[in-house]
């Protein structure tokens, strides 16, 4: 497994944490963040959702950026937070909420919407008559989750807290990094991360598309295949443990960009 030389594309802090986990098991990685978090201005209606947070039967936080920004709003409006259950799709995001002494649950197996929807505690929350669910997220995403919750009878509101944008890089940055550091695989953590990867790759994408690409879910895997990626590995999760498992199961690296 030590033959892997990975390009990491998560936001700066998350890439640094993942790089350390990889280094601990002898895997080389190079970080080129392709997702920059930018808070979005809140409308009066969105501030009203926080002001009336106690009206919701459940709160779902879809990412660490959503957790950090949502908790800052919570601190401003609620010295003592309401006692409804909170939910996340991953343990890392959950830990941020636990540090604020919130009642948070997350799937033990899988870190996607499908796994989250199977949680008995969430099912109990949305089964209540007139149940309301608040989803803290970026400007978009988790539409399937909201759709399924509505099918279960819940009313769903979104609280958009940030947008992810592609940092400014010279056009040749990605291809030059892969060559200079002899990288032999790419890692993305979301569909938007993949779209930014392809955008920055530009004319080098046909070559980069020959490299193994590690993705977090079937949805992102399908996006990558439709875009021409030749070897797409679904890690079945976006966390470090899922990536390590996929690396162990995947045959050793044999393809490098010339």
C-alpha atoms as a PDB file:
ATOM      1  CA  UNK A   1       0.000   0.000   0.000  1.00  0.00           C
ATOM      2  CA  UNK A   2       2.961   2.335   0.512  1.00  0.00           C
ATOM      3  CA  UNK A   3       3.431   2.732  -3.251  1.00  0.00           C
ATOM      4  CA  UNK A   4       0.511   5.134  -3.415  1.00  0.00           C
ATOM      5  CA  UNK A   5       1.277   8.814  -3.943  1.00  0.00           C
ATOM      6  CA  UNK A   6      -2.005  10.650  -3.567  1.00  0.00           C
ATOM      7  CA  UNK A   7      -3.300  14.073  -4.513  1.00  0.00           C
ATOM      8  CA  UNK A   8      -5.650  15.355  -1.782  1.00  0.00           C
ATOM      9  CA  UNK A   9      -8.194  17.996  -2.748  1.00  0.00           C
ATOM     10  CA  UNK A  10     -10.189  18.749   0.427  1.00  0.00           C
ATOM     11  CA  UNK A  11     -10.227  22.179   2.117  1.00  0.00           C
ATOM     12  CA  UNK A  12      -6.955  23.123   3.812  1.00  0.00           C
ATOM     13  CA  UNK A  13      -7.662  21.924   7.361  1.00  0.00           C
ATOM     14  CA  UNK A  14      -9.285  18.684   6.271  1.00  0.00           C
ATOM     15  CA  UNK A  15      -6.476  17.883   3.839  1.00  0.00           C
ATOM     16  CA  UNK A  16      -3.905  18.462   6.568  1.00  0.00           C
ATOM     17  CA  UNK A  17      -5.695  16.074   8.929  1.00  0.00           C
ATOM     18  CA  UNK A  18      -6.043  13.409   6.236  1.00  0.00           C
ATOM     19  CA  UNK A  19      -2.397  13.811   5.186  1.00  0.00           C
ATOM     20  CA  UNK A  20      -1.309  13.102   8.756  1.00  0.00           C
ATOM     21  CA  UNK A  21      -3.386   9.917   8.920  1.00  0.00           C
ATOM     22  CA  UNK A  22      -1.872   8.758   5.626  1.00  0.00           C
ATOM     23  CA  UNK A  23       1.663   9.636   6.710  1.00  0.00           C
ATOM     24  CA  UNK A  24       1.196   7.578   9.878  1.00  0.00           C
ATOM     25  CA  UNK A  25       0.793   4.453   7.719  1.00  0.00           C
ATOM     26  CA  UNK A  26       3.549   5.392   5.279  1.00  0.00           C
ATOM     27  CA  UNK A  27       1.485   6.820   2.422  1.00  0.00           C
ATOM     28  CA  UNK A  28       2.768   9.925   0.628  1.00  0.00           C
ATOM     29  CA  UNK A  29       0.258  12.647  -0.195  1.00  0.00           C
ATOM     30  CA  UNK A  30       0.282  16.130  -1.652  1.00  0.00           C
ATOM     31  CA  UNK A  31      -2.452  18.642  -0.867  1.00  0.00           C
ATOM     32  CA  UNK A  32      -4.027  20.890  -3.478  1.00  0.00           C
ATOM     33  CA  UNK A  33      -7.274  22.170  -1.908  1.00  0.00           C
ATOM     34  CA  UNK A  34      -9.988  22.518  -4.530  1.00  0.00           C
ATOM     35  CA  UNK A  35     -12.750  23.590  -2.165  1.00  0.00           C
ATOM     36  CA  UNK A  36     -12.531  26.950  -0.435  1.00  0.00           C
ATOM     37  CA  UNK A  37     -15.238  27.647   2.140  1.00  0.00           C
ATOM     38  CA  UNK A  38     -16.904  31.065   1.895  1.00  0.00           C
ATOM     39  CA  UNK A  39     -19.705  31.963   4.358  1.00  0.00           C
ATOM     40  CA  UNK A  40     -22.850  33.307   2.693  1.00  0.00           C
ATOM     41  CA  UNK A  41     -24.884  36.248   4.019  1.00  0.00           C
ATOM     42  CA  UNK A  42     -27.969  35.143   5.915  1.00  0.00           C
ATOM     43  CA  UNK A  43     -31.383  36.482   4.986  1.00  0.00           C
ATOM     44  CA  UNK A  44     -33.892  37.561   7.614  1.00  0.00           C
ATOM     45  CA  UNK A  45     -35.801  34.340   6.914  1.00  0.00           C
ATOM     46  CA  UNK A  46     -32.717  32.227   7.556  1.00  0.00           C
ATOM     47  CA  UNK A  47     -31.986  34.060  10.796  1.00  0.00           C
ATOM     48  CA  UNK A  48     -35.570  33.325  11.761  1.00  0.00           C
ATOM     49  CA  UNK A  49     -34.876  29.609  11.456  1.00  0.00           C
ATOM     50  CA  UNK A  50     -32.162  29.925  14.106  1.00  0.00           C
ATOM     51  CA  UNK A  51     -34.332  32.141  16.288  1.00  0.00           C
ATOM     52  CA  UNK A  52     -37.037  29.472  16.217  1.00  0.00           C
ATOM     53  CA  UNK A  53     -34.734  26.483  16.393  1.00  0.00           C
ATOM     54  CA  UNK A  54     -36.816  25.023  19.205  1.00  0.00           C
ATOM     55  CA  UNK A  55     -39.668  24.520  16.719  1.00  0.00           C
ATOM     56  CA  UNK A  56     -37.740  21.757  14.936  1.00  0.00           C
ATOM     57  CA  UNK A  57     -37.940  18.090  15.909  1.00  0.00           C
ATOM     58  CA  UNK A  58     -34.497  17.338  14.461  1.00  0.00           C
ATOM     59  CA  UNK A  59     -31.485  19.216  13.101  1.00  0.00           C
ATOM     60  CA  UNK A  60     -29.218  17.640  10.475  1.00  0.00           C
ATOM     61  CA  UNK A  61     -25.727  19.064   9.863  1.00  0.00           C
ATOM     62  CA  UNK A  62     -24.185  17.813   6.642  1.00  0.00           C
ATOM     63  CA  UNK A  63     -20.528  18.870   6.967  1.00  0.00           C
ATOM     64  CA  UNK A  64     -17.856  20.298   9.230  1.00  0.00           C
ATOM     65  CA  UNK A  65     -18.122  23.798   7.700  1.00  0.00           C
ATOM     66  CA  UNK A  66     -21.877  23.722   8.316  1.00  0.00           C
ATOM     67  CA  UNK A  67     -21.234  22.620  11.899  1.00  0.00           C
ATOM     68  CA  UNK A  68     -18.710  25.385  12.615  1.00  0.00           C
ATOM     69  CA  UNK A  69     -20.857  28.140  11.115  1.00  0.00           C
ATOM     70  CA  UNK A  70     -24.080  26.768  12.579  1.00  0.00           C
ATOM     71  CA  UNK A  71     -22.580  26.522  16.048  1.00  0.00           C
ATOM     72  CA  UNK A  72     -21.436  30.145  15.853  1.00  0.00           C
ATOM     73  CA  UNK A  73     -25.033  31.181  15.131  1.00  0.00           C
ATOM     74  CA  UNK A  74     -26.265  28.942  17.907  1.00  0.00           C
ATOM     75  CA  UNK A  75     -23.928  30.611  20.388  1.00  0.00           C
ATOM     76  CA  UNK A  76     -25.234  34.029  19.362  1.00  0.00           C
ATOM     77  CA  UNK A  77     -28.923  33.162  19.710  1.00  0.00           C
ATOM     78  CA  UNK A  78     -29.164  30.367  22.263  1.00  0.00           C
ATOM     79  CA  UNK A  79     -27.134  30.565  25.489  1.00  0.00           C
ATOM     80  CA  UNK A  80     -28.841  27.269  26.357  1.00  0.00           C
ATOM     81  CA  UNK A  81     -29.564  25.314  23.150  1.00  0.00           C
ATOM     82  CA  UNK A  82     -32.896  23.544  22.582  1.00  0.00           C
ATOM     83  CA  UNK A  83     -32.916  19.842  23.403  1.00  0.00           C
ATOM     84  CA  UNK A  84     -34.000  18.267  20.110  1.00  0.00           C
ATOM     85  CA  UNK A  85     -31.766  15.529  18.606  1.00  0.00           C
ATOM     86  CA  UNK A  86     -29.067  16.503  16.121  1.00  0.00           C
ATOM     87  CA  UNK A  87     -27.742  14.282  13.344  1.00  0.00           C
ATOM     88  CA  UNK A  88     -24.719  14.153  11.046  1.00  0.00           C
ATOM     89  CA  UNK A  89     -23.502  11.820   8.311  1.00  0.00           C
ATOM     90  CA  UNK A  90     -20.016  11.455   9.783  1.00  0.00           C
ATOM     91  CA  UNK A  91     -18.255  11.164  13.111  1.00  0.00           C
ATOM     92  CA  UNK A  92     -15.943  14.132  12.508  1.00  0.00           C
ATOM     93  CA  UNK A  93     -18.849  16.531  12.127  1.00  0.00           C
ATOM     94  CA  UNK A  94     -20.600  14.888  15.072  1.00  0.00           C
ATOM     95  CA  UNK A  95     -17.606  15.503  17.319  1.00  0.00           C
ATOM     96  CA  UNK A  96     -17.862  19.259  16.728  1.00  0.00           C
ATOM     97  CA  UNK A  97     -21.474  19.134  17.907  1.00  0.00           C
ATOM     98  CA  UNK A  98     -20.648  16.897  20.854  1.00  0.00           C
ATOM     99  CA  UNK A  99     -18.083  19.454  21.972  1.00  0.00           C
ATOM    100  CA  UNK A 100     -21.049  21.839  22.338  1.00  0.00           C
ATOM    101  CA  UNK A 101     -22.889  19.241  24.439  1.00  0.00           C
ATOM    102  CA  UNK A 102     -25.561  18.633  21.812  1.00  0.00           C
ATOM    103  CA  UNK A 103     -27.452  15.343  21.560  1.00  0.00           C
ATOM    104  CA  UNK A 104     -25.980  14.097  18.275  1.00  0.00           C
ATOM    105  CA  UNK A 105     -26.246  10.768  16.439  1.00  0.00           C
ATOM    106  CA  UNK A 106     -24.605   9.492  13.247  1.00  0.00           C
ATOM    107  CA  UNK A 107     -24.470   6.202  11.310  1.00  0.00           C
ATOM    108  CA  UNK A 108     -21.962   3.676  12.595  1.00  0.00           C
ATOM    109  CA  UNK A 109     -21.728   2.176   9.097  1.00  0.00           C
ATOM    110  CA  UNK A 110     -21.614   4.460   6.068  1.00  0.00           C
ATOM    111  CA  UNK A 111     -21.549   8.240   5.967  1.00  0.00           C
ATOM    112  CA  UNK A 112     -24.203   9.131   3.427  1.00  0.00           C
ATOM    113  CA  UNK A 113     -27.866  10.099   3.349  1.00  0.00           C
ATOM    114  CA  UNK A 114     -29.059   6.520   3.025  1.00  0.00           C
ATOM    115  CA  UNK A 115     -27.206   5.443   6.157  1.00  0.00           C
ATOM    116  CA  UNK A 116     -28.481   8.484   8.049  1.00  0.00           C
ATOM    117  CA  UNK A 117     -32.100   7.769   7.131  1.00  0.00           C
ATOM    118  CA  UNK A 118     -31.823   4.312   8.682  1.00  0.00           C
ATOM    119  CA  UNK A 119     -31.100   5.683  12.147  1.00  0.00           C
ATOM    120  CA  UNK A 120     -34.000   4.715  14.448  1.00  0.00           C
ATOM    121  CA  UNK A 121     -33.673   7.958  16.384  1.00  0.00           C
ATOM    122  CA  UNK A 122     -34.131  10.036  13.224  1.00  0.00           C
ATOM    123  CA  UNK A 123     -37.041   7.877  12.136  1.00  0.00           C
ATOM    124  CA  UNK A 124     -38.678   8.433  15.524  1.00  0.00           C
ATOM    125  CA  UNK A 125     -38.179  12.191  15.286  1.00  0.00           C
ATOM    126  CA  UNK A 126     -39.790  12.506  11.861  1.00  0.00           C
ATOM    127  CA  UNK A 127     -42.634  10.140  12.792  1.00  0.00           C
ATOM    128  CA  UNK A 128     -44.063  12.728  15.195  1.00  0.00           C
ATOM    129  CA  UNK A 129     -47.197  14.518  13.887  1.00  0.00           C
ATOM    130  CA  UNK A 130     -46.253  17.801  12.203  1.00  0.00           C
ATOM    131  CA  UNK A 131     -42.541  17.052  12.521  1.00  0.00           C
ATOM    132  CA  UNK A 132     -40.082  19.655  11.219  1.00  0.00           C
ATOM    133  CA  UNK A 133     -36.451  19.077  10.249  1.00  0.00           C
ATOM    134  CA  UNK A 134     -33.769  21.709   9.708  1.00  0.00           C
ATOM    135  CA  UNK A 135     -30.835  20.864   7.430  1.00  0.00           C
ATOM    136  CA  UNK A 136     -27.702  22.986   7.871  1.00  0.00           C
ATOM    137  CA  UNK A 137     -25.675  22.809   4.660  1.00  0.00           C
ATOM    138  CA  UNK A 138     -23.956  24.775   1.925  1.00  0.00           C
ATOM    139  CA  UNK A 139     -25.871  26.574  -0.795  1.00  0.00           C
ATOM    140  CA  UNK A 140     -26.882  23.248  -2.292  1.00  0.00           C
ATOM    141  CA  UNK A 141     -26.729  19.511  -1.703  1.00  0.00           C
ATOM    142  CA  UNK A 142     -28.559  16.717   0.133  1.00  0.00           C
ATOM    143  CA  UNK A 143     -31.681  17.129  -1.987  1.00  0.00           C
ATOM    144  CA  UNK A 144     -32.274  13.373  -1.826  1.00  0.00           C
ATOM    145  CA  UNK A 145     -32.193  13.522   1.961  1.00  0.00           C
ATOM    146  CA  UNK A 146     -34.817  16.266   2.057  1.00  0.00           C
ATOM    147  CA  UNK A 147     -36.972  14.435  -0.470  1.00  0.00           C
ATOM    148  CA  UNK A 148     -36.918  11.229   1.560  1.00  0.00           C
ATOM    149  CA  UNK A 149     -37.706  13.086   4.786  1.00  0.00           C
ATOM    150  CA  UNK A 150     -40.703  14.732   3.140  1.00  0.00           C
ATOM    151  CA  UNK A 151     -41.875  11.327   1.941  1.00  0.00           C
ATOM    152  CA  UNK A 152     -41.806  10.263   5.583  1.00  0.00           C
ATOM    153  CA  UNK A 153     -44.125  13.140   6.426  1.00  0.00           C
ATOM    154  CA  UNK A 154     -41.685  15.739   7.746  1.00  0.00           C
ATOM    155  CA  UNK A 155     -41.508  19.396   6.784  1.00  0.00           C
ATOM    156  CA  UNK A 156     -37.928  20.298   5.787  1.00  0.00           C
ATOM    157  CA  UNK A 157     -36.179  23.671   5.847  1.00  0.00           C
ATOM    158  CA  UNK A 158     -32.668  24.407   4.599  1.00  0.00           C
ATOM    159  CA  UNK A 159     -30.245  26.753   6.324  1.00  0.00           C
ATOM    160  CA  UNK A 160     -27.549  27.535   3.707  1.00  0.00           C
ATOM    161  CA  UNK A 161     -24.405  28.687   5.495  1.00  0.00           C
ATOM    162  CA  UNK A 162     -21.570  28.646   2.963  1.00  0.00           C
ATOM    163  CA  UNK A 163     -20.522  28.076  -0.602  1.00  0.00           C
ATOM    164  CA  UNK A 164     -17.579  26.074  -1.855  1.00  0.00           C
ATOM    165  CA  UNK A 165     -15.547  27.790  -4.528  1.00  0.00           C
ATOM    166  CA  UNK A 166     -12.471  26.795  -6.490  1.00  0.00           C
ATOM    167  CA  UNK A 167      -9.400  28.655  -5.187  1.00  0.00           C
ATOM    168  CA  UNK A 168      -7.480  30.712  -7.720  1.00  0.00           C
ATOM    169  CA  UNK A 169      -4.648  28.695  -9.264  1.00  0.00           C
ATOM    170  CA  UNK A 170      -2.671  29.113 -12.491  1.00  0.00           C
ATOM    171  CA  UNK A 171      -4.223  26.862 -15.178  1.00  0.00           C
ATOM    172  CA  UNK A 172      -1.327  24.382 -15.245  1.00  0.00           C
ATOM    173  CA  UNK A 173      -1.131  23.922 -11.457  1.00  0.00           C
ATOM    174  CA  UNK A 174      -2.788  20.517 -11.253  1.00  0.00           C
ATOM    175  CA  UNK A 175      -0.876  18.833 -14.070  1.00  0.00           C
ATOM    176  CA  UNK A 176       2.425  20.295 -12.885  1.00  0.00           C
ATOM    177  CA  UNK A 177       1.840  19.090  -9.310  1.00  0.00           C
ATOM    178  CA  UNK A 178       1.103  15.555 -10.474  1.00  0.00           C
ATOM    179  CA  UNK A 179       4.274  15.479 -12.571  1.00  0.00           C
ATOM    180  CA  UNK A 180       6.573  17.152 -10.068  1.00  0.00           C
ATOM    181  CA  UNK A 181       5.613  14.872  -7.178  1.00  0.00           C
ATOM    182  CA  UNK A 182       5.099  11.694  -9.243  1.00  0.00           C
ATOM    183  CA  UNK A 183       1.566  11.299  -7.961  1.00  0.00           C
ATOM    184  CA  UNK A 184      -0.295   8.180  -9.058  1.00  0.00           C
ATOM    185  CA  UNK A 185      -3.850   8.650  -7.763  1.00  0.00           C
ATOM    186  CA  UNK A 186      -6.382  11.409  -7.124  1.00  0.00           C
ATOM    187  CA  UNK A 187      -8.777  11.743  -4.185  1.00  0.00           C
ATOM    188  CA  UNK A 188     -11.985  13.810  -4.101  1.00  0.00           C
ATOM    189  CA  UNK A 189     -14.497  14.033  -1.267  1.00  0.00           C
ATOM    190  CA  UNK A 190     -17.607  15.288  -3.067  1.00  0.00           C
ATOM    191  CA  UNK A 191     -19.248  15.849  -6.428  1.00  0.00           C
ATOM    192  CA  UNK A 192     -18.323  19.511  -6.343  1.00  0.00           C
ATOM    193  CA  UNK A 193     -14.748  18.595  -5.506  1.00  0.00           C
ATOM    194  CA  UNK A 194     -14.660  16.407  -8.615  1.00  0.00           C
ATOM    195  CA  UNK A 195     -16.112  19.161 -10.798  1.00  0.00           C
ATOM    196  CA  UNK A 196     -13.421  21.544  -9.551  1.00  0.00           C
ATOM    197  CA  UNK A 197     -10.758  18.899 -10.239  1.00  0.00           C
ATOM    198  CA  UNK A 198     -11.917  18.532 -13.797  1.00  0.00           C
ATOM    199  CA  UNK A 199     -12.198  22.302 -14.246  1.00  0.00           C
ATOM    200  CA  UNK A 200      -8.667  22.949 -13.028  1.00  0.00           C
ATOM    201  CA  UNK A 201      -7.294  20.049 -15.069  1.00  0.00           C
ATOM    202  CA  UNK A 202      -8.416  21.746 -18.289  1.00  0.00           C
ATOM    203  CA  UNK A 203      -6.678  20.278 -21.329  1.00  0.00           C
ATOM    204  CA  UNK A 204      -4.739  17.858 -19.109  1.00  0.00           C
ATOM    205  CA  UNK A 205      -7.925  16.041 -18.061  1.00  0.00           C
ATOM    206  CA  UNK A 206      -7.669  13.235 -20.680  1.00  0.00           C
ATOM    207  CA  UNK A 207      -4.270  12.274 -19.216  1.00  0.00           C
ATOM    208  CA  UNK A 208      -5.316  12.714 -15.599  1.00  0.00           C
ATOM    209  CA  UNK A 209      -8.441  10.661 -16.289  1.00  0.00           C
ATOM    210  CA  UNK A 210      -6.202   7.598 -16.725  1.00  0.00           C
ATOM    211  CA  UNK A 211      -5.157   7.745 -13.066  1.00  0.00           C
ATOM    212  CA  UNK A 212      -7.052   5.939 -10.283  1.00  0.00           C
ATOM    213  CA  UNK A 213      -9.622   8.281  -8.779  1.00  0.00           C
ATOM    214  CA  UNK A 214     -10.905   7.646  -5.242  1.00  0.00           C
ATOM    215  CA  UNK A 215     -14.410   9.007  -4.593  1.00  0.00           C
ATOM    216  CA  UNK A 216     -16.771   8.874  -1.600  1.00  0.00           C
ATOM    217  CA  UNK A 217     -20.006   7.534  -3.093  1.00  0.00           C
ATOM    218  CA  UNK A 218     -21.745   5.869  -6.051  1.00  0.00           C
ATOM    219  CA  UNK A 219     -23.144   9.254  -7.140  1.00  0.00           C
ATOM    220  CA  UNK A 220     -19.694  10.832  -7.437  1.00  0.00           C
ATOM    221  CA  UNK A 221     -18.366   7.657  -9.055  1.00  0.00           C
ATOM    222  CA  UNK A 222     -21.011   7.955 -11.758  1.00  0.00           C
ATOM    223  CA  UNK A 223     -20.150  11.614 -12.345  1.00  0.00           C
ATOM    224  CA  UNK A 224     -16.493  10.692 -12.768  1.00  0.00           C
ATOM    225  CA  UNK A 225     -17.159   7.811 -15.147  1.00  0.00           C
ATOM    226  CA  UNK A 226     -19.427   9.945 -17.304  1.00  0.00           C
ATOM    227  CA  UNK A 227     -16.606  12.508 -17.491  1.00  0.00           C
ATOM    228  CA  UNK A 228     -14.180   9.870 -18.764  1.00  0.00           C
ATOM    229  CA  UNK A 229     -12.346   8.731 -15.631  1.00  0.00           C
ATOM    230  CA  UNK A 230     -11.038   5.243 -16.365  1.00  0.00           C
ATOM    231  CA  UNK A 231     -10.423   3.743 -12.897  1.00  0.00           C
ATOM    232  CA  UNK A 232     -12.915   5.018 -10.326  1.00  0.00           C
ATOM    233  CA  UNK A 233     -12.807   3.561  -6.802  1.00  0.00           C
ATOM    234  CA  UNK A 234     -15.854   4.082  -4.583  1.00  0.00           C
ATOM    235  CA  UNK A 235     -14.552   4.335  -1.014  1.00  0.00           C
ATOM    236  CA  UNK A 236     -18.105   4.058   0.393  1.00  0.00           C
ATOM    237  CA  UNK A 237     -17.447   7.038   2.634  1.00  0.00           C
ATOM    238  CA  UNK A 238     -15.521  10.301   2.765  1.00  0.00           C
ATOM    239  CA  UNK A 239     -13.550   9.696   5.954  1.00  0.00           C
ATOM    240  CA  UNK A 240      -9.936   8.597   6.334  1.00  0.00           C
ATOM    241  CA  UNK A 241     -10.856   5.048   7.377  1.00  0.00           C
ATOM    242  CA  UNK A 242     -12.900   4.547   4.206  1.00  0.00           C
ATOM    243  CA  UNK A 243     -10.029   5.787   2.036  1.00  0.00           C
ATOM    244  CA  UNK A 244      -7.512   3.519   3.781  1.00  0.00           C
ATOM    245  CA  UNK A 245      -9.766   0.507   3.299  1.00  0.00           C
ATOM    246  CA  UNK A 246     -10.153   1.302  -0.400  1.00  0.00           C
ATOM    247  CA  UNK A 247      -6.398   1.695  -0.807  1.00  0.00           C
ATOM    248  CA  UNK A 248      -5.805  -1.708   0.773  1.00  0.00           C
ATOM    249  CA  UNK A 249      -8.386  -3.364  -1.476  1.00  0.00           C
ATOM    250  CA  UNK A 250      -7.211  -1.706  -4.682  1.00  0.00           C
ATOM    251  CA  UNK A 251      -4.341  -3.268  -6.653  1.00  0.00           C
ATOM    252  CA  UNK A 252      -1.089  -1.355  -6.273  1.00  0.00           C
ATOM    253  CA  UNK A 253      -0.465   1.755  -8.375  1.00  0.00           C
ATOM    254  CA  UNK A 254       0.655   1.106 -11.910  1.00  0.00           C
ATOM    255  CA  UNK A 255      -0.424   4.252 -13.777  1.00  0.00           C
ATOM    256  CA  UNK A 256       1.358   7.578 -13.564  1.00  0.00           C
ATOM    257  CA  UNK A 257       1.028  10.700 -15.640  1.00  0.00           C
ATOM    258  CA  UNK A 258       4.039  11.000 -17.925  1.00  0.00           C
END
